[in-house]
Amino acid sequence: MRSETRERIWKIIFEAETKAGKAFDVLLLWAIGLSVVAVMLESIDSVSARWGGALKIAEWSFTILFMAEYFVRIWVVRRPARYIFSFWGVIDFLSWIPMFLAIFLAGSQSLVVTRTLRFLRMFRVLKMVRGLKGAEHIWEALMASRGKIMVFFFAMVALATIMGTLAYLLESGQEGSKFTNIPVSIYWAIVTVTTLGYGDLYPQTVEGRLLSALCVLIGYCIIAVPTGIVVGETLTAMNRRDETTHACPSCGVHGHLIDAKFCRRCGEKLNPQEADQVASVPRRGGAGET
């Protein structure tokens, strides 16, 4: 059993349903924003030359703040390891570790801009449930379609290899040709099929130009395929049941189903008071419901 102090701190840090929890997250978002601005300003030579010392103090102050917050989160959760290796745990870790890495690796302090990822918490802070669900739907759609996307990716690699090899055979013998080898020709095929068209490589022969036109037409025909796959999976995810914004006391993940009794990620039992809150949320009407 967690002590009352840990329970109180956990509600403030992980829940945005109370005034204290919302105030904490709003202040945290302000700190994240100001820390990112400080990093950006330091990258400007004229600003760094004049305010470099103050910006460095600000960066270290924010770093210590985020580090302290990270370890407090570990202290209050029921299963620290699950939080540490969760998505939010990794993001929270990356918000402060780059400054310490900079002591040994010059320039790595610029990685603190990864703190911007923590702005994703704004969906929970501002109770933007639809926005939070939208992010979950997109993520679920990407995960569900990854097999089809991988098949499409390797098909595109095979197509680019074939087209690049053909371009090499057609263009390599021409005077001044830049199709000097097959890898370079494959690069041209990828740029052409995706309709980027940098212009650094172009065919000189009639056959090569016809091949280039064919690559562009093929690219236009297949460019919408991955979009259709992801859209289909997104629609499937959107038709699933509503979710709440309550956090798991072990790993801190949000987005449980409205009648969930256990965490959707780590399987830990939700708090009794949280279960009561979840049970009190009205459910959508369906078969057998009034």
C-alpha atoms as a PDB file:
ATOM      1  CA  MET A   1       0.000   0.000   0.000  1.00  0.00           C
ATOM      2  CA  ARG A   2       1.276   3.400  -0.900  1.00  0.00           C
ATOM      3  CA  SER A   3       1.415   6.078   1.774  1.00  0.00           C
ATOM      4  CA  GLU A   4      -1.071   8.938   1.735  1.00  0.00           C
ATOM      5  CA  THR A   5       1.706  11.360   0.766  1.00  0.00           C
ATOM      6  CA  ARG A   6       2.715   9.312  -2.266  1.00  0.00           C
ATOM      7  CA  GLU A   7      -0.930   8.855  -3.208  1.00  0.00           C
ATOM      8  CA  ARG A   8      -1.525  12.605  -3.027  1.00  0.00           C
ATOM      9  CA  ILE A   9       1.576  13.421  -5.082  1.00  0.00           C
ATOM     10  CA  TRP A  10       0.648  10.737  -7.620  1.00  0.00           C
ATOM     11  CA  LYS A  11      -2.765  12.318  -8.181  1.00  0.00           C
ATOM     12  CA  ILE A  12      -1.183  15.733  -8.690  1.00  0.00           C
ATOM     13  CA  ILE A  13       1.438  14.485 -11.150  1.00  0.00           C
ATOM     14  CA  PHE A  14      -0.491  11.902 -13.131  1.00  0.00           C
ATOM     15  CA  GLU A  15      -4.086  13.133 -12.987  1.00  0.00           C
ATOM     16  CA  ALA A  16      -5.377  16.349 -14.552  1.00  0.00           C
ATOM     17  CA  GLU A  17      -8.917  15.975 -13.239  1.00  0.00           C
ATOM     18  CA  THR A  18      -8.249  17.997 -10.081  1.00  0.00           C
ATOM     19  CA  LYS A  19      -7.292  21.673  -9.817  1.00  0.00           C
ATOM     20  CA  ALA A  20      -3.897  20.785  -8.346  1.00  0.00           C
ATOM     21  CA  GLY A  21      -3.195  18.256 -11.090  1.00  0.00           C
ATOM     22  CA  LYS A  22      -4.147  20.650 -13.848  1.00  0.00           C
ATOM     23  CA  ALA A  23      -2.130  23.482 -12.286  1.00  0.00           C
ATOM     24  CA  PHE A  24       0.924  21.215 -12.043  1.00  0.00           C
ATOM     25  CA  ASP A  25       0.724  20.182 -15.698  1.00  0.00           C
ATOM     26  CA  VAL A  26       0.128  23.749 -16.898  1.00  0.00           C
ATOM     27  CA  LEU A  27       3.224  24.938 -15.008  1.00  0.00           C
ATOM     28  CA  LEU A  28       5.146  21.985 -16.411  1.00  0.00           C
ATOM     29  CA  LEU A  29       4.153  22.927 -19.965  1.00  0.00           C
ATOM     30  CA  TRP A  30       5.322  26.497 -19.364  1.00  0.00           C
ATOM     31  CA  ALA A  31       8.657  25.186 -18.107  1.00  0.00           C
ATOM     32  CA  ILE A  32       9.008  22.939 -21.161  1.00  0.00           C
ATOM     33  CA  GLY A  33       8.241  25.798 -23.528  1.00  0.00           C
ATOM     34  CA  LEU A  34      10.666  28.203 -21.869  1.00  0.00           C
ATOM     35  CA  SER A  35      13.428  25.588 -21.791  1.00  0.00           C
ATOM     36  CA  VAL A  36      13.038  24.912 -25.522  1.00  0.00           C
ATOM     37  CA  VAL A  37      13.121  28.666 -26.239  1.00  0.00           C
ATOM     38  CA  ALA A  38      16.344  28.947 -24.218  1.00  0.00           C
ATOM     39  CA  VAL A  39      17.978  26.201 -26.298  1.00  0.00           C
ATOM     40  CA  MET A  40      16.887  27.853 -29.541  1.00  0.00           C
ATOM     41  CA  LEU A  41      18.171  31.254 -28.471  1.00  0.00           C
ATOM     42  CA  GLU A  42      21.538  29.809 -27.514  1.00  0.00           C
ATOM     43  CA  SER A  43      21.971  28.525 -31.083  1.00  0.00           C
ATOM     44  CA  ILE A  44      21.889  32.143 -32.356  1.00  0.00           C
ATOM     45  CA  ASP A  45      25.450  33.470 -32.238  1.00  0.00           C
ATOM     46  CA  SER A  46      24.557  37.096 -31.542  1.00  0.00           C
ATOM     47  CA  VAL A  47      22.197  36.163 -28.694  1.00  0.00           C
ATOM     48  CA  SER A  48      24.593  33.589 -27.286  1.00  0.00           C
ATOM     49  CA  ALA A  49      27.462  36.088 -27.250  1.00  0.00           C
ATOM     50  CA  ARG A  50      25.449  38.530 -25.156  1.00  0.00           C
ATOM     51  CA  TRP A  51      23.238  36.305 -23.021  1.00  0.00           C
ATOM     52  CA  GLY A  52      25.112  33.005 -23.133  1.00  0.00           C
ATOM     53  CA  GLY A  53      25.739  32.882 -19.388  1.00  0.00           C
ATOM     54  CA  ALA A  54      22.124  33.547 -18.442  1.00  0.00           C
ATOM     55  CA  LEU A  55      20.835  31.061 -21.000  1.00  0.00           C
ATOM     56  CA  LYS A  56      23.198  28.394 -19.684  1.00  0.00           C
ATOM     57  CA  ILE A  57      21.973  28.965 -16.125  1.00  0.00           C
ATOM     58  CA  ALA A  58      18.372  28.743 -17.343  1.00  0.00           C
ATOM     59  CA  GLU A  59      19.039  25.500 -19.204  1.00  0.00           C
ATOM     60  CA  TRP A  60      20.642  23.863 -16.189  1.00  0.00           C
ATOM     61  CA  SER A  61      17.836  25.089 -13.941  1.00  0.00           C
ATOM     62  CA  PHE A  62      15.214  23.526 -16.200  1.00  0.00           C
ATOM     63  CA  THR A  63      17.295  20.360 -16.497  1.00  0.00           C
ATOM     64  CA  ILE A  64      17.494  19.929 -12.712  1.00  0.00           C
ATOM     65  CA  LEU A  65      13.764  20.632 -12.466  1.00  0.00           C
ATOM     66  CA  PHE A  66      12.883  17.971 -15.044  1.00  0.00           C
ATOM     67  CA  MET A  67      15.308  15.497 -13.500  1.00  0.00           C
ATOM     68  CA  ALA A  68      13.728  15.971 -10.067  1.00  0.00           C
ATOM     69  CA  GLU A  69      10.256  15.593 -11.555  1.00  0.00           C
ATOM     70  CA  TYR A  70      11.338  12.381 -13.326  1.00  0.00           C
ATOM     71  CA  PHE A  71      12.593  10.752 -10.133  1.00  0.00           C
ATOM     72  CA  VAL A  72       9.499  11.869  -8.218  1.00  0.00           C
ATOM     73  CA  ARG A  73       7.378  10.128 -10.849  1.00  0.00           C
ATOM     74  CA  ILE A  74       9.423   6.969 -10.350  1.00  0.00           C
ATOM     75  CA  TRP A  75       8.947   7.244  -6.589  1.00  0.00           C
ATOM     76  CA  VAL A  76       5.159   7.609  -6.652  1.00  0.00           C
ATOM     77  CA  VAL A  77       4.227   4.972  -9.242  1.00  0.00           C
ATOM     78  CA  ARG A  78       3.432   1.464  -8.067  1.00  0.00           C
ATOM     79  CA  ARG A  79       5.724  -0.293 -10.563  1.00  0.00           C
ATOM     80  CA  PRO A  80       8.699   2.009 -11.344  1.00  0.00           C
ATOM     81  CA  ALA A  81      10.214  -0.224 -14.022  1.00  0.00           C
ATOM     82  CA  ARG A  82       7.015  -0.176 -16.034  1.00  0.00           C
ATOM     83  CA  TYR A  83       6.944   3.594 -16.004  1.00  0.00           C
ATOM     84  CA  ILE A  84      10.654   3.921 -16.849  1.00  0.00           C
ATOM     85  CA  PHE A  85      10.320   1.826 -20.012  1.00  0.00           C
ATOM     86  CA  SER A  86       6.926   3.212 -21.021  1.00  0.00           C
ATOM     87  CA  PHE A  87       6.555   5.803 -23.803  1.00  0.00           C
ATOM     88  CA  TRP A  88       6.107   8.692 -21.352  1.00  0.00           C
ATOM     89  CA  GLY A  89       8.913   7.410 -19.139  1.00  0.00           C
ATOM     90  CA  VAL A  90      11.372   7.485 -22.045  1.00  0.00           C
ATOM     91  CA  ILE A  91      10.212  10.960 -23.105  1.00  0.00           C
ATOM     92  CA  ASP A  92      10.564  12.274 -19.540  1.00  0.00           C
ATOM     93  CA  PHE A  93      14.064  10.764 -19.344  1.00  0.00           C
ATOM     94  CA  LEU A  94      15.106  12.397 -22.630  1.00  0.00           C
ATOM     95  CA  SER A  95      13.957  15.785 -21.326  1.00  0.00           C
ATOM     96  CA  TRP A  96      16.953  16.115 -18.975  1.00  0.00           C
ATOM     97  CA  ILE A  97      19.677  13.568 -19.807  1.00  0.00           C
ATOM     98  CA  PRO A  98      21.143  15.422 -22.874  1.00  0.00           C
ATOM     99  CA  MET A  99      22.534  18.235 -20.704  1.00  0.00           C
ATOM    100  CA  PHE A 100      24.528  15.712 -18.678  1.00  0.00           C
ATOM    101  CA  LEU A 101      25.682  13.955 -21.848  1.00  0.00           C
ATOM    102  CA  ALA A 102      27.002  17.320 -23.057  1.00  0.00           C
ATOM    103  CA  ILE A 103      29.631  17.132 -20.328  1.00  0.00           C
ATOM    104  CA  PHE A 104      31.216  14.234 -22.207  1.00  0.00           C
ATOM    105  CA  LEU A 105      29.880  14.743 -25.756  1.00  0.00           C
ATOM    106  CA  ALA A 106      30.154  18.290 -27.091  1.00  0.00           C
ATOM    107  CA  GLY A 107      27.010  19.541 -28.800  1.00  0.00           C
ATOM    108  CA  SER A 108      24.651  16.920 -27.426  1.00  0.00           C
ATOM    109  CA  GLN A 109      22.927  19.555 -25.272  1.00  0.00           C
ATOM    110  CA  SER A 110      21.007  20.555 -28.402  1.00  0.00           C
ATOM    111  CA  LEU A 111      19.098  17.294 -28.038  1.00  0.00           C
ATOM    112  CA  VAL A 112      17.092  18.856 -25.223  1.00  0.00           C
ATOM    113  CA  VAL A 113      14.706  20.075 -27.914  1.00  0.00           C
ATOM    114  CA  THR A 114      13.201  16.600 -27.525  1.00  0.00           C
ATOM    115  CA  ARG A 115      11.381  18.241 -24.607  1.00  0.00           C
ATOM    116  CA  THR A 116       8.880  19.445 -27.189  1.00  0.00           C
ATOM    117  CA  LEU A 117       7.519  15.883 -27.241  1.00  0.00           C
ATOM    118  CA  ARG A 118       6.289  16.478 -23.723  1.00  0.00           C
ATOM    119  CA  PHE A 119       3.834  19.006 -25.117  1.00  0.00           C
ATOM    120  CA  LEU A 120       1.725  15.978 -26.007  1.00  0.00           C
ATOM    121  CA  ARG A 121       0.588  16.140 -22.392  1.00  0.00           C
ATOM    122  CA  MET A 122      -1.445  19.212 -23.289  1.00  0.00           C
ATOM    123  CA  PHE A 123      -4.189  16.959 -24.637  1.00  0.00           C
ATOM    124  CA  ARG A 124      -4.712  15.566 -21.152  1.00  0.00           C
ATOM    125  CA  VAL A 125      -4.164  18.851 -19.321  1.00  0.00           C
ATOM    126  CA  LEU A 126      -6.745  20.731 -21.361  1.00  0.00           C
ATOM    127  CA  LYS A 127      -9.106  17.731 -21.321  1.00  0.00           C
ATOM    128  CA  MET A 128      -8.925  17.546 -25.090  1.00  0.00           C
ATOM    129  CA  VAL A 129     -10.214  13.971 -25.056  1.00  0.00           C
ATOM    130  CA  ARG A 130     -10.948  14.021 -28.756  1.00  0.00           C
ATOM    131  CA  GLY A 131      -7.387  15.117 -29.484  1.00  0.00           C
ATOM    132  CA  LEU A 132      -5.981  12.428 -27.216  1.00  0.00           C
ATOM    133  CA  LYS A 133      -8.169   9.794 -28.825  1.00  0.00           C
ATOM    134  CA  GLY A 134      -7.121  11.060 -32.244  1.00  0.00           C
ATOM    135  CA  ALA A 135      -3.450  10.541 -31.401  1.00  0.00           C
ATOM    136  CA  GLU A 136      -4.232   7.060 -30.073  1.00  0.00           C
ATOM    137  CA  HIS A 137      -6.183   6.233 -33.237  1.00  0.00           C
ATOM    138  CA  ILE A 138      -3.324   7.326 -35.487  1.00  0.00           C
ATOM    139  CA  TRP A 139      -0.814   5.301 -33.472  1.00  0.00           C
ATOM    140  CA  GLU A 140      -3.042   2.213 -33.494  1.00  0.00           C
ATOM    141  CA  ALA A 141      -3.590   2.600 -37.240  1.00  0.00           C
ATOM    142  CA  LEU A 142       0.160   2.816 -37.894  1.00  0.00           C
ATOM    143  CA  MET A 143       0.819  -0.255 -35.781  1.00  0.00           C
ATOM    144  CA  ALA A 144      -1.999  -2.221 -37.405  1.00  0.00           C
ATOM    145  CA  SER A 145      -0.854  -1.329 -40.928  1.00  0.00           C
ATOM    146  CA  ARG A 146       2.885  -1.808 -40.384  1.00  0.00           C
ATOM    147  CA  GLY A 147       2.846  -5.242 -42.079  1.00  0.00           C
ATOM    148  CA  LYS A 148       1.179  -3.894 -45.220  1.00  0.00           C
ATOM    149  CA  ILE A 149       3.432  -0.836 -45.205  1.00  0.00           C
ATOM    150  CA  MET A 150       6.533  -3.041 -44.980  1.00  0.00           C
ATOM    151  CA  VAL A 151       5.348  -5.104 -47.968  1.00  0.00           C
ATOM    152  CA  PHE A 152       4.743  -1.879 -49.902  1.00  0.00           C
ATOM    153  CA  PHE A 153       8.161  -0.540 -48.855  1.00  0.00           C
ATOM    154  CA  PHE A 154      10.062  -3.592 -50.098  1.00  0.00           C
ATOM    155  CA  ALA A 155       8.023  -3.572 -53.319  1.00  0.00           C
ATOM    156  CA  MET A 156       9.143   0.022 -53.866  1.00  0.00           C
ATOM    157  CA  VAL A 157      12.757  -0.937 -53.151  1.00  0.00           C
ATOM    158  CA  ALA A 158      12.530  -3.725 -55.726  1.00  0.00           C
ATOM    159  CA  LEU A 159      10.946  -1.372 -58.281  1.00  0.00           C
ATOM    160  CA  ALA A 160      13.615   1.291 -57.731  1.00  0.00           C
ATOM    161  CA  THR A 161      16.357  -1.327 -58.078  1.00  0.00           C
ATOM    162  CA  ILE A 162      14.955  -2.580 -61.389  1.00  0.00           C
ATOM    163  CA  MET A 163      14.398   0.916 -62.771  1.00  0.00           C
ATOM    164  CA  GLY A 164      17.811   2.079 -61.604  1.00  0.00           C
ATOM    165  CA  THR A 165      19.543  -0.878 -63.197  1.00  0.00           C
ATOM    166  CA  LEU A 166      17.734  -0.264 -66.492  1.00  0.00           C
ATOM    167  CA  ALA A 167      18.710   3.410 -66.360  1.00  0.00           C
ATOM    168  CA  TYR A 168      22.335   2.443 -65.787  1.00  0.00           C
ATOM    169  CA  LEU A 169      22.312   0.122 -68.803  1.00  0.00           C
ATOM    170  CA  LEU A 170      20.770   2.822 -70.996  1.00  0.00           C
ATOM    171  CA  GLU A 171      22.792   5.823 -69.824  1.00  0.00           C
ATOM    172  CA  SER A 172      26.190   4.635 -68.589  1.00  0.00           C
ATOM    173  CA  GLY A 173      27.700   4.538 -72.082  1.00  0.00           C
ATOM    174  CA  GLN A 174      26.836   8.145 -72.908  1.00  0.00           C
ATOM    175  CA  GLU A 175      29.503  10.856 -72.862  1.00  0.00           C
ATOM    176  CA  GLY A 176      29.284  12.984 -69.723  1.00  0.00           C
ATOM    177  CA  SER A 177      26.670  10.706 -68.171  1.00  0.00           C
ATOM    178  CA  LYS A 178      26.287  10.920 -64.401  1.00  0.00           C
ATOM    179  CA  PHE A 179      24.867   7.388 -64.211  1.00  0.00           C
ATOM    180  CA  THR A 180      28.297   6.113 -63.208  1.00  0.00           C
ATOM    181  CA  ASN A 181      27.148   3.065 -61.252  1.00  0.00           C
ATOM    182  CA  ILE A 182      24.033   1.147 -60.249  1.00  0.00           C
ATOM    183  CA  PRO A 183      23.660   2.624 -56.715  1.00  0.00           C
ATOM    184  CA  VAL A 184      23.659   6.148 -58.165  1.00  0.00           C
ATOM    185  CA  SER A 185      21.119   5.041 -60.758  1.00  0.00           C
ATOM    186  CA  ILE A 186      18.913   3.555 -58.033  1.00  0.00           C
ATOM    187  CA  TYR A 187      19.063   6.897 -56.252  1.00  0.00           C
ATOM    188  CA  TRP A 188      17.813   8.539 -59.460  1.00  0.00           C
ATOM    189  CA  ALA A 189      14.996   5.992 -59.706  1.00  0.00           C
ATOM    190  CA  ILE A 190      13.876   6.648 -56.119  1.00  0.00           C
ATOM    191  CA  VAL A 191      13.870  10.411 -56.651  1.00  0.00           C
ATOM    192  CA  THR A 192      11.946  10.011 -59.909  1.00  0.00           C
ATOM    193  CA  VAL A 193       9.350   7.482 -58.724  1.00  0.00           C
ATOM    194  CA  THR A 194       8.569   9.629 -55.685  1.00  0.00           C
ATOM    195  CA  THR A 195       8.253  12.648 -58.044  1.00  0.00           C
ATOM    196  CA  LEU A 196      10.804  14.683 -56.078  1.00  0.00           C
ATOM    197  CA  GLY A 197      12.874  15.484 -59.159  1.00  0.00           C
ATOM    198  CA  TYR A 198      16.008  17.151 -57.767  1.00  0.00           C
ATOM    199  CA  GLY A 199      17.467  17.566 -61.262  1.00  0.00           C
ATOM    200  CA  ASP A 200      20.999  16.526 -60.325  1.00  0.00           C
ATOM    201  CA  LEU A 201      20.645  13.407 -62.507  1.00  0.00           C
ATOM    202  CA  TYR A 202      18.765  13.218 -65.785  1.00  0.00           C
ATOM    203  CA  PRO A 203      18.812  10.833 -68.759  1.00  0.00           C
ATOM    204  CA  GLN A 204      20.224  11.899 -72.128  1.00  0.00           C
ATOM    205  CA  THR A 205      18.976   9.126 -74.394  1.00  0.00           C
ATOM    206  CA  VAL A 206      15.454   8.823 -75.760  1.00  0.00           C
ATOM    207  CA  GLU A 207      15.081   5.449 -74.111  1.00  0.00           C
ATOM    208  CA  GLY A 208      16.227   6.858 -70.790  1.00  0.00           C
ATOM    209  CA  ARG A 209      13.729   9.699 -70.992  1.00  0.00           C
ATOM    210  CA  LEU A 210      10.918   7.267 -71.748  1.00  0.00           C
ATOM    211  CA  LEU A 211      11.994   5.258 -68.708  1.00  0.00           C
ATOM    212  CA  SER A 212      11.976   8.456 -66.645  1.00  0.00           C
ATOM    213  CA  ALA A 213       8.430   9.251 -67.791  1.00  0.00           C
ATOM    214  CA  LEU A 214       7.332   5.709 -66.936  1.00  0.00           C
ATOM    215  CA  CYS A 215       8.824   6.060 -63.433  1.00  0.00           C
ATOM    216  CA  VAL A 216       6.884   9.283 -62.855  1.00  0.00           C
ATOM    217  CA  LEU A 217       3.598   7.731 -64.031  1.00  0.00           C
ATOM    218  CA  ILE A 218       4.137   4.689 -61.820  1.00  0.00           C
ATOM    219  CA  GLY A 219       4.902   6.981 -58.903  1.00  0.00           C
ATOM    220  CA  TYR A 220       1.630   8.881 -59.357  1.00  0.00           C
ATOM    221  CA  CYS A 221      -0.291   5.604 -59.519  1.00  0.00           C
ATOM    222  CA  ILE A 222       1.085   4.122 -56.314  1.00  0.00           C
ATOM    223  CA  ILE A 223       1.810   7.176 -54.142  1.00  0.00           C
ATOM    224  CA  ALA A 224      -1.663   6.995 -52.560  1.00  0.00           C
ATOM    225  CA  VAL A 225      -1.382   3.316 -51.582  1.00  0.00           C
ATOM    226  CA  PRO A 226       0.161   3.773 -48.087  1.00  0.00           C
ATOM    227  CA  THR A 227      -2.238   6.634 -47.391  1.00  0.00           C
ATOM    228  CA  GLY A 228      -5.214   4.401 -48.164  1.00  0.00           C
ATOM    229  CA  ILE A 229      -3.851   1.662 -45.913  1.00  0.00           C
ATOM    230  CA  VAL A 230      -3.408   3.993 -42.926  1.00  0.00           C
ATOM    231  CA  VAL A 231      -6.777   5.706 -43.494  1.00  0.00           C
ATOM    232  CA  GLY A 232      -8.542   2.338 -43.513  1.00  0.00           C
ATOM    233  CA  GLU A 233      -6.929   1.301 -40.237  1.00  0.00           C
ATOM    234  CA  THR A 234      -7.668   4.721 -38.729  1.00  0.00           C
ATOM    235  CA  LEU A 235     -11.375   4.371 -39.493  1.00  0.00           C
ATOM    236  CA  THR A 236     -11.329   0.950 -37.862  1.00  0.00           C
ATOM    237  CA  ALA A 237      -9.692   2.368 -34.729  1.00  0.00           C
ATOM    238  CA  MET A 238     -12.173   5.267 -34.559  1.00  0.00           C
ATOM    239  CA  ASN A 239     -15.103   2.846 -34.407  1.00  0.00           C
ATOM    240  CA  ARG A 240     -13.864   1.355 -31.157  1.00  0.00           C
ATOM    241  CA  ARG A 241     -15.235   2.211 -27.721  1.00  0.00           C
ATOM    242  CA  ASP A 242     -14.603   5.453 -25.884  1.00  0.00           C
ATOM    243  CA  GLU A 243     -11.649   5.813 -23.523  1.00  0.00           C
ATOM    244  CA  THR A 244     -11.078   7.780 -20.324  1.00  0.00           C
ATOM    245  CA  THR A 245      -8.107   9.963 -19.335  1.00  0.00           C
ATOM    246  CA  HIS A 246      -7.415   8.191 -16.027  1.00  0.00           C
ATOM    247  CA  ALA A 247      -3.794   7.191 -15.403  1.00  0.00           C
ATOM    248  CA  CYS A 248      -2.488   3.787 -14.349  1.00  0.00           C
ATOM    249  CA  PRO A 249      -0.892   3.963 -10.876  1.00  0.00           C
ATOM    250  CA  SER A 250       1.940   1.680 -12.016  1.00  0.00           C
ATOM    251  CA  CYS A 251       3.114   2.902 -15.411  1.00  0.00           C
ATOM    252  CA  GLY A 252       1.193   6.181 -15.730  1.00  0.00           C
ATOM    253  CA  VAL A 253      -0.365   5.383 -19.114  1.00  0.00           C
ATOM    254  CA  HIS A 254      -3.715   6.985 -19.985  1.00  0.00           C
ATOM    255  CA  GLY A 255      -6.553   6.024 -22.295  1.00  0.00           C
ATOM    256  CA  HIS A 256      -8.275   3.118 -20.528  1.00  0.00           C
ATOM    257  CA  LEU A 257     -11.637   1.842 -21.677  1.00  0.00           C
ATOM    258  CA  ILE A 258     -14.561   3.223 -19.716  1.00  0.00           C
ATOM    259  CA  ASP A 259     -15.206  -0.091 -17.956  1.00  0.00           C
ATOM    260  CA  ALA A 260     -11.548  -1.088 -17.538  1.00  0.00           C
ATOM    261  CA  LYS A 261     -10.466  -2.626 -14.231  1.00  0.00           C
ATOM    262  CA  PHE A 262      -6.859  -3.298 -15.245  1.00  0.00           C
ATOM    263  CA  CYS A 263      -4.245  -1.228 -17.087  1.00  0.00           C
ATOM    264  CA  ARG A 264      -4.310  -1.694 -20.851  1.00  0.00           C
ATOM    265  CA  ARG A 265      -0.494  -1.755 -21.022  1.00  0.00           C
ATOM    266  CA  CYS A 266       0.974  -3.316 -17.885  1.00  0.00           C
ATOM    267  CA  GLY A 267      -2.075  -5.207 -16.575  1.00  0.00           C
ATOM    268  CA  GLU A 268      -1.915  -3.648 -13.123  1.00  0.00           C
ATOM    269  CA  LYS A 269      -5.228  -3.277 -11.262  1.00  0.00           C
ATOM    270  CA  LEU A 270      -6.544   0.272 -11.282  1.00  0.00           C
ATOM    271  CA  ASN A 271      -7.110   2.122  -8.017  1.00  0.00           C
ATOM    272  CA  PRO A 272     -10.452   1.383  -6.325  1.00  0.00           C
ATOM    273  CA  GLN A 273     -11.405   5.071  -6.385  1.00  0.00           C
ATOM    274  CA  GLU A 274     -10.413   5.261 -10.039  1.00  0.00           C
ATOM    275  CA  ALA A 275     -12.508   2.200 -10.812  1.00  0.00           C
ATOM    276  CA  ASP A 276     -15.477   3.921  -9.213  1.00  0.00           C
ATOM    277  CA  GLN A 277     -14.868   6.986 -11.376  1.00  0.00           C
ATOM    278  CA  VAL A 278     -14.562   4.869 -14.487  1.00  0.00           C
ATOM    279  CA  ALA A 279     -17.732   2.954 -13.671  1.00  0.00           C
ATOM    280  CA  SER A 280     -19.628   6.228 -13.204  1.00  0.00           C
ATOM    281  CA  VAL A 281     -18.811   7.448 -16.721  1.00  0.00           C
ATOM    282  CA  PRO A 282     -21.921   7.051 -18.932  1.00  0.00           C
ATOM    283  CA  ARG A 283     -21.469   4.545 -21.715  1.00  0.00           C
ATOM    284  CA  ARG A 284     -22.723   4.777 -25.234  1.00  0.00           C
ATOM    285  CA  GLY A 285     -25.989   3.094 -25.904  1.00  0.00           C
ATOM    286  CA  GLY A 286     -25.644  -0.299 -27.533  1.00  0.00           C
ATOM    287  CA  ALA A 287     -27.200  -3.696 -27.712  1.00  0.00           C
ATOM    288  CA  GLY A 288     -28.910  -4.551 -24.430  1.00  0.00           C
ATOM    289  CA  GLU A 289     -28.460  -1.001 -23.017  1.00  0.00           C
ATOM    290  CA  THR A 290     -31.137   1.574 -22.334  1.00  0.00           C
END
